[in-house]
Amino acid sequence: MKDNAAAGNDSQWPHGTVSVPAAPACGMPFWEENARWYDQWVSHNRYHEPILHALGSLPQPGWRVLDIGGATGVLSRPLADMGCHVTLLEPCRAMQRLFEARTRAVGFNRITVDPRRWEDVCPSDYDGWDLVIASNSLHLTSLGIDAALQSLLMARPRHAFLVWEGPKHPSLAKIQGTEYGLGLVASHRVESSFVYHSRREAADHLRFRHRWFPWAPLNPEGLDSLQATGAHYIDRDLALVNMARLDRRDRGRPYIP
């Protein structure tokens, strides 16, 4: 299990390697099974708070917003609360069910779900929308990160907001000279801890990860590093989350990877 460190904020680009899941993680069977673990993770940490803070007052009521790979709607729901017309692009049926359960519970139905993969979407379907968000999603497409970003910008949104973990986004350098300018670049160290309700549940998750990623350690002794707090067991972790906002201008060439 990973150790935790003090949360912080770094305005510089991080250094290191990109944490990109192996090919099985890009397939639907993985996400169908991982949805319950994702939902449990997102329900017990504040990972997305700096993302929403960075978006700030940019989204306006009435804006059309596309959330690519939005999972259970952790970003879509706050944007809809701001008065935006949000489409959640999420092909995983298990994620869709979790989203639907959460929105029904609060009587919320102001978000449209598009069940397609991003690689199956024609950019003209979302031509000229006000904001497109891709939070830790473009690198998981079968297109690859360059082509996925190209497809996003071919839709010519007024603004695009990218979120990823790892070093500088490999495609951002190619934005220079295009019709898009970098309006914001930021990096934040945030808590990415996993919370379990029992040690047995933590062991189940450990086995799940090892089954999909055989190189991941399957070490029961790692459970000893869990921090017990009341009825929960916490696997402390930090992530360096990077964000970039792209703003469309009236000049420059189209983006070509």
Protein backbone atom coordinates (compact mmCIF):
# COMPACT_ATOMS: atom_id res chain seq x y z
CA MET A 1 0.00 0.00 0.00
CA LYS A 2 1.19 3.53 -0.72
CA ASP A 3 2.23 5.98 1.93
CA ASN A 4 0.72 9.42 2.27
CA ALA A 5 2.51 12.76 2.39
CA ALA A 6 1.40 16.25 3.21
CA ALA A 7 -0.88 17.68 0.56
CA GLY A 8 0.50 20.66 -1.29
CA ASN A 9 0.34 22.86 -4.37
CA ASP A 10 2.94 23.11 -7.11
CA SER A 11 2.67 25.68 -9.86
CA GLN A 12 5.42 23.98 -11.91
CA TRP A 13 5.00 21.03 -14.24
CA PRO A 14 5.61 17.75 -12.40
CA HIS A 15 8.37 15.40 -13.43
CA GLY A 16 8.17 11.64 -13.67
CA THR A 17 6.38 9.09 -15.78
CA VAL A 18 2.80 9.16 -17.00
CA SER A 19 0.59 6.72 -15.11
CA VAL A 20 -1.22 5.18 -18.05
CA PRO A 21 -3.15 1.94 -17.50
CA ALA A 22 -2.25 -1.06 -19.61
CA ALA A 23 -4.39 -2.07 -22.55
CA PRO A 24 -6.93 -4.11 -20.52
CA ALA A 25 -7.80 -0.99 -18.50
CA CYS A 26 -8.80 0.72 -21.73
CA GLY A 27 -11.40 -1.94 -22.46
CA MET A 28 -14.98 -1.99 -21.29
CA PRO A 29 -14.77 -5.22 -19.23
CA PHE A 30 -12.29 -3.56 -16.89
CA TRP A 31 -14.43 -0.46 -16.38
CA GLU A 32 -17.61 -2.47 -15.89
CA GLU A 33 -15.92 -4.26 -13.01
CA ASN A 34 -14.01 -1.26 -11.75
CA ALA A 35 -17.05 1.03 -11.56
CA ARG A 36 -17.92 0.04 -7.98
CA TRP A 37 -14.35 0.71 -6.85
CA TYR A 38 -14.23 4.03 -8.72
CA ASP A 39 -17.50 5.11 -7.10
CA GLN A 40 -16.19 4.17 -3.67
CA TRP A 41 -12.95 6.08 -4.30
CA VAL A 42 -14.65 9.24 -5.57
CA SER A 43 -17.15 9.19 -2.69
CA HIS A 44 -14.44 9.29 -0.01
CA ASN A 45 -11.92 11.88 -1.18
CA ARG A 46 -11.70 15.47 -2.42
CA TYR A 47 -9.74 14.75 -5.59
CA HIS A 48 -12.01 16.81 -7.84
CA GLU A 49 -12.27 19.93 -5.65
CA PRO A 50 -9.21 21.71 -7.17
CA ILE A 51 -10.53 20.88 -10.64
CA LEU A 52 -13.84 22.57 -9.90
CA HIS A 53 -11.97 25.45 -8.26
CA ALA A 54 -9.79 25.87 -11.38
CA LEU A 55 -12.89 25.94 -13.57
CA GLY A 56 -14.04 28.74 -11.29
CA SER A 57 -16.51 31.15 -12.80
CA LEU A 58 -15.75 30.13 -16.40
CA PRO A 59 -18.96 28.07 -16.94
CA GLN A 60 -22.02 30.25 -17.31
CA PRO A 61 -25.74 29.41 -17.03
CA GLY A 62 -27.04 28.16 -20.33
CA TRP A 63 -23.67 26.94 -21.56
CA ARG A 64 -23.53 23.65 -23.45
CA VAL A 65 -20.94 21.45 -21.74
CA LEU A 66 -19.61 18.04 -22.76
CA ASP A 67 -17.94 15.88 -20.10
CA ILE A 68 -15.86 13.21 -21.91
CA GLY A 69 -15.55 10.00 -19.91
CA GLY A 70 -17.41 11.62 -17.03
CA ALA A 71 -17.99 8.30 -15.19
CA THR A 72 -20.53 8.81 -12.39
CA GLY A 73 -20.93 12.55 -13.04
CA VAL A 74 -18.64 13.93 -10.34
CA LEU A 75 -17.96 17.00 -12.53
CA SER A 76 -21.19 16.98 -14.53
CA ARG A 77 -23.45 17.44 -11.52
CA PRO A 78 -21.80 20.63 -10.18
CA LEU A 79 -21.78 22.08 -13.70
CA ALA A 80 -25.48 21.35 -14.07
CA ASP A 81 -26.04 23.00 -10.69
CA MET A 82 -24.46 26.13 -12.20
CA GLY A 83 -27.19 26.13 -14.84
CA CYS A 84 -25.21 24.52 -17.67
CA HIS A 85 -26.76 22.06 -20.12
CA VAL A 86 -24.43 19.10 -19.59
CA THR A 87 -23.95 15.96 -21.65
CA LEU A 88 -22.15 13.14 -19.86
CA LEU A 89 -20.28 11.02 -22.41
CA GLU A 90 -19.88 7.66 -20.67
CA PRO A 91 -19.93 4.30 -22.47
CA CYS A 92 -19.58 2.12 -19.36
CA ARG A 93 -23.03 0.83 -18.40
CA ALA A 94 -22.03 0.22 -14.78
CA MET A 95 -20.91 3.86 -14.49
CA GLN A 96 -24.18 4.97 -16.07
CA ARG A 97 -26.19 2.99 -13.51
CA LEU A 98 -24.27 4.56 -10.63
CA PHE A 99 -24.81 8.01 -12.13
CA GLU A 100 -28.52 7.34 -12.58
CA ALA A 101 -28.87 6.06 -9.00
CA ARG A 102 -27.18 9.16 -7.61
CA THR A 103 -29.23 11.58 -9.67
CA ARG A 104 -32.54 9.82 -8.91
CA ALA A 105 -31.77 10.01 -5.20
CA VAL A 106 -31.76 13.82 -5.34
CA GLY A 107 -34.44 14.21 -8.01
CA PHE A 108 -31.88 15.50 -10.49
CA ASN A 109 -32.48 15.02 -14.22
CA ARG A 110 -30.79 17.97 -15.95
CA ILE A 111 -27.94 15.95 -17.48
CA THR A 112 -28.09 14.04 -20.76
CA VAL A 113 -26.13 10.78 -21.07
CA ASP A 114 -24.41 9.94 -24.34
CA PRO A 115 -23.41 6.23 -24.10
CA ARG A 116 -20.86 6.32 -26.93
CA ARG A 117 -17.09 6.07 -26.73
CA TRP A 118 -15.25 9.25 -27.68
CA GLU A 119 -13.68 7.47 -30.65
CA ASP A 120 -17.20 6.75 -31.98
CA VAL A 121 -18.31 10.39 -31.77
CA CYS A 122 -18.22 12.66 -34.82
CA PRO A 123 -16.79 16.06 -33.79
CA SER A 124 -19.66 17.78 -35.61
CA ASP A 125 -22.05 16.22 -33.06
CA TYR A 126 -20.77 18.76 -30.54
CA ASP A 127 -19.71 21.50 -32.92
CA GLY A 128 -19.09 24.86 -31.28
CA TRP A 129 -20.13 23.90 -27.75
CA ASP A 130 -19.11 26.28 -25.01
CA LEU A 131 -16.97 23.89 -22.96
CA VAL A 132 -15.58 20.38 -23.36
CA ILE A 133 -14.00 18.70 -20.33
CA ALA A 134 -11.70 15.69 -20.56
CA SER A 135 -10.64 14.63 -17.06
CA ASN A 136 -8.21 11.69 -17.11
CA SER A 137 -9.95 10.29 -20.16
CA LEU A 138 -8.31 11.06 -23.52
CA HIS A 139 -5.35 8.72 -22.97
CA LEU A 140 -7.76 5.85 -22.33
CA THR A 141 -9.29 5.99 -25.80
CA SER A 142 -8.20 3.63 -28.56
CA LEU A 143 -7.34 6.72 -30.63
CA GLY A 144 -4.35 7.62 -28.50
CA ILE A 145 -3.98 10.94 -26.76
CA ASP A 146 -2.91 13.00 -29.81
CA ALA A 147 -5.76 11.87 -32.06
CA ALA A 148 -8.27 12.09 -29.20
CA LEU A 149 -7.28 15.71 -28.57
CA GLN A 150 -7.40 16.44 -32.28
CA SER A 151 -10.95 15.10 -32.41
CA LEU A 152 -11.88 17.26 -29.44
CA LEU A 153 -10.53 20.43 -31.03
CA MET A 154 -12.07 19.59 -34.39
CA ALA A 155 -15.39 20.14 -32.60
CA ARG A 156 -14.14 23.73 -32.09
CA PRO A 157 -15.46 24.30 -28.57
CA ARG A 158 -15.07 27.80 -27.19
CA HIS A 159 -13.12 26.33 -24.30
CA ALA A 160 -11.57 22.94 -23.53
CA PHE A 161 -10.48 21.87 -20.07
CA LEU A 162 -7.97 19.01 -19.78
CA VAL A 163 -7.05 17.11 -16.62
CA TRP A 164 -4.34 14.45 -16.35
CA GLU A 165 -1.75 12.97 -14.00
CA GLY A 166 1.95 12.83 -14.80
CA PRO A 167 4.33 15.18 -16.60
CA LYS A 168 3.53 17.90 -19.09
CA HIS A 169 0.73 16.90 -21.45
CA PRO A 170 2.48 15.44 -24.53
CA SER A 171 0.17 17.27 -26.94
CA LEU A 172 0.14 20.77 -25.43
CA ALA A 173 3.28 21.92 -27.24
CA LYS A 174 1.47 21.36 -30.52
CA ILE A 175 -1.22 23.88 -29.55
CA GLN A 176 1.15 26.80 -30.19
CA GLY A 177 0.22 28.63 -33.37
CA THR A 178 -3.23 27.07 -33.60
CA GLU A 179 -6.55 28.80 -33.06
CA TYR A 180 -6.33 27.78 -29.39
CA GLY A 181 -4.37 29.53 -26.69
CA LEU A 182 -3.50 28.28 -23.20
CA GLY A 183 -5.67 30.19 -20.77
CA LEU A 184 -4.68 28.33 -17.61
CA VAL A 185 -2.05 25.78 -16.65
CA ALA A 186 -1.92 24.54 -13.08
CA SER A 187 -0.71 21.62 -11.02
CA HIS A 188 -2.01 20.56 -7.62
CA ARG A 189 -1.02 17.79 -5.26
CA VAL A 190 -4.28 16.30 -3.98
CA GLU A 191 -5.39 13.43 -1.82
CA SER A 192 -6.23 10.31 -3.79
CA SER A 193 -6.75 7.93 -0.89
CA PHE A 194 -8.90 4.82 -1.00
CA VAL A 195 -11.35 4.17 1.83
CA TYR A 196 -12.59 0.69 2.70
CA HIS A 197 -15.27 -0.48 5.09
CA SER A 198 -13.31 -3.56 6.19
CA ARG A 199 -9.94 -5.20 5.75
CA ARG A 200 -11.66 -7.93 3.77
CA GLU A 201 -12.95 -5.35 1.31
CA ALA A 202 -9.43 -3.94 0.96
CA ALA A 203 -8.14 -7.45 0.25
CA ASP A 204 -10.85 -7.92 -2.42
CA HIS A 205 -9.71 -4.71 -4.11
CA LEU A 206 -6.09 -5.81 -3.92
CA ARG A 207 -6.95 -9.06 -5.68
CA PHE A 208 -9.00 -7.19 -8.29
CA ARG A 209 -6.09 -4.92 -9.16
CA HIS A 210 -3.65 -7.82 -9.29
CA ARG A 211 -5.94 -9.76 -11.61
CA TRP A 212 -6.04 -6.91 -14.15
CA PHE A 213 -2.47 -5.77 -13.56
CA PRO A 214 -0.41 -8.89 -12.75
CA TRP A 215 2.68 -6.78 -12.01
CA ALA A 216 0.82 -5.05 -9.16
CA PRO A 217 1.97 -6.52 -5.84
CA LEU A 218 -0.33 -9.06 -4.25
CA ASN A 219 1.01 -8.75 -0.75
CA PRO A 220 -1.43 -9.32 2.14
CA GLU A 221 1.12 -7.74 4.45
CA GLY A 222 0.37 -4.46 2.69
CA LEU A 223 -2.97 -4.43 4.48
CA ASP A 224 -1.06 -3.66 7.66
CA SER A 225 -0.36 -0.16 6.32
CA LEU A 226 -4.06 0.69 6.22
CA GLN A 227 -4.99 3.46 8.64
CA ALA A 228 -7.97 2.52 10.80
CA THR A 229 -10.29 5.47 11.51
CA GLY A 230 -13.60 4.57 13.12
CA ALA A 231 -15.51 2.29 10.76
CA HIS A 232 -13.10 2.79 7.84
CA TYR A 233 -9.69 1.63 6.70
CA ILE A 234 -7.75 4.14 4.60
CA ASP A 235 -5.06 3.49 2.01
CA ARG A 236 -3.38 6.90 1.98
CA ASP A 237 -2.23 8.23 -1.37
CA LEU A 238 -1.47 11.50 -3.15
CA ALA A 239 -1.71 12.40 -6.82
CA LEU A 240 -0.22 15.26 -8.81
CA VAL A 241 -3.15 16.53 -10.87
CA ASN A 242 -2.51 18.82 -13.82
CA MET A 243 -4.98 21.07 -15.58
CA ALA A 244 -4.96 23.15 -18.74
CA ARG A 245 -7.66 25.38 -20.20
CA LEU A 246 -7.64 25.97 -23.95
CA ASP A 247 -9.44 29.05 -25.25
CA ARG A 248 -10.43 29.38 -28.89
CA ARG A 249 -9.22 32.53 -30.61
CA ASP A 250 -10.16 34.13 -33.92
CA ARG A 251 -6.77 33.45 -35.45
CA GLY A 252 -4.34 30.59 -35.99
CA ARG A 253 -4.45 27.30 -37.84
CA PRO A 254 -6.47 24.22 -36.90
CA TYR A 255 -4.83 21.81 -34.47
CA ILE A 256 -2.85 19.09 -36.31
CA PRO A 257 -1.08 16.44 -34.17
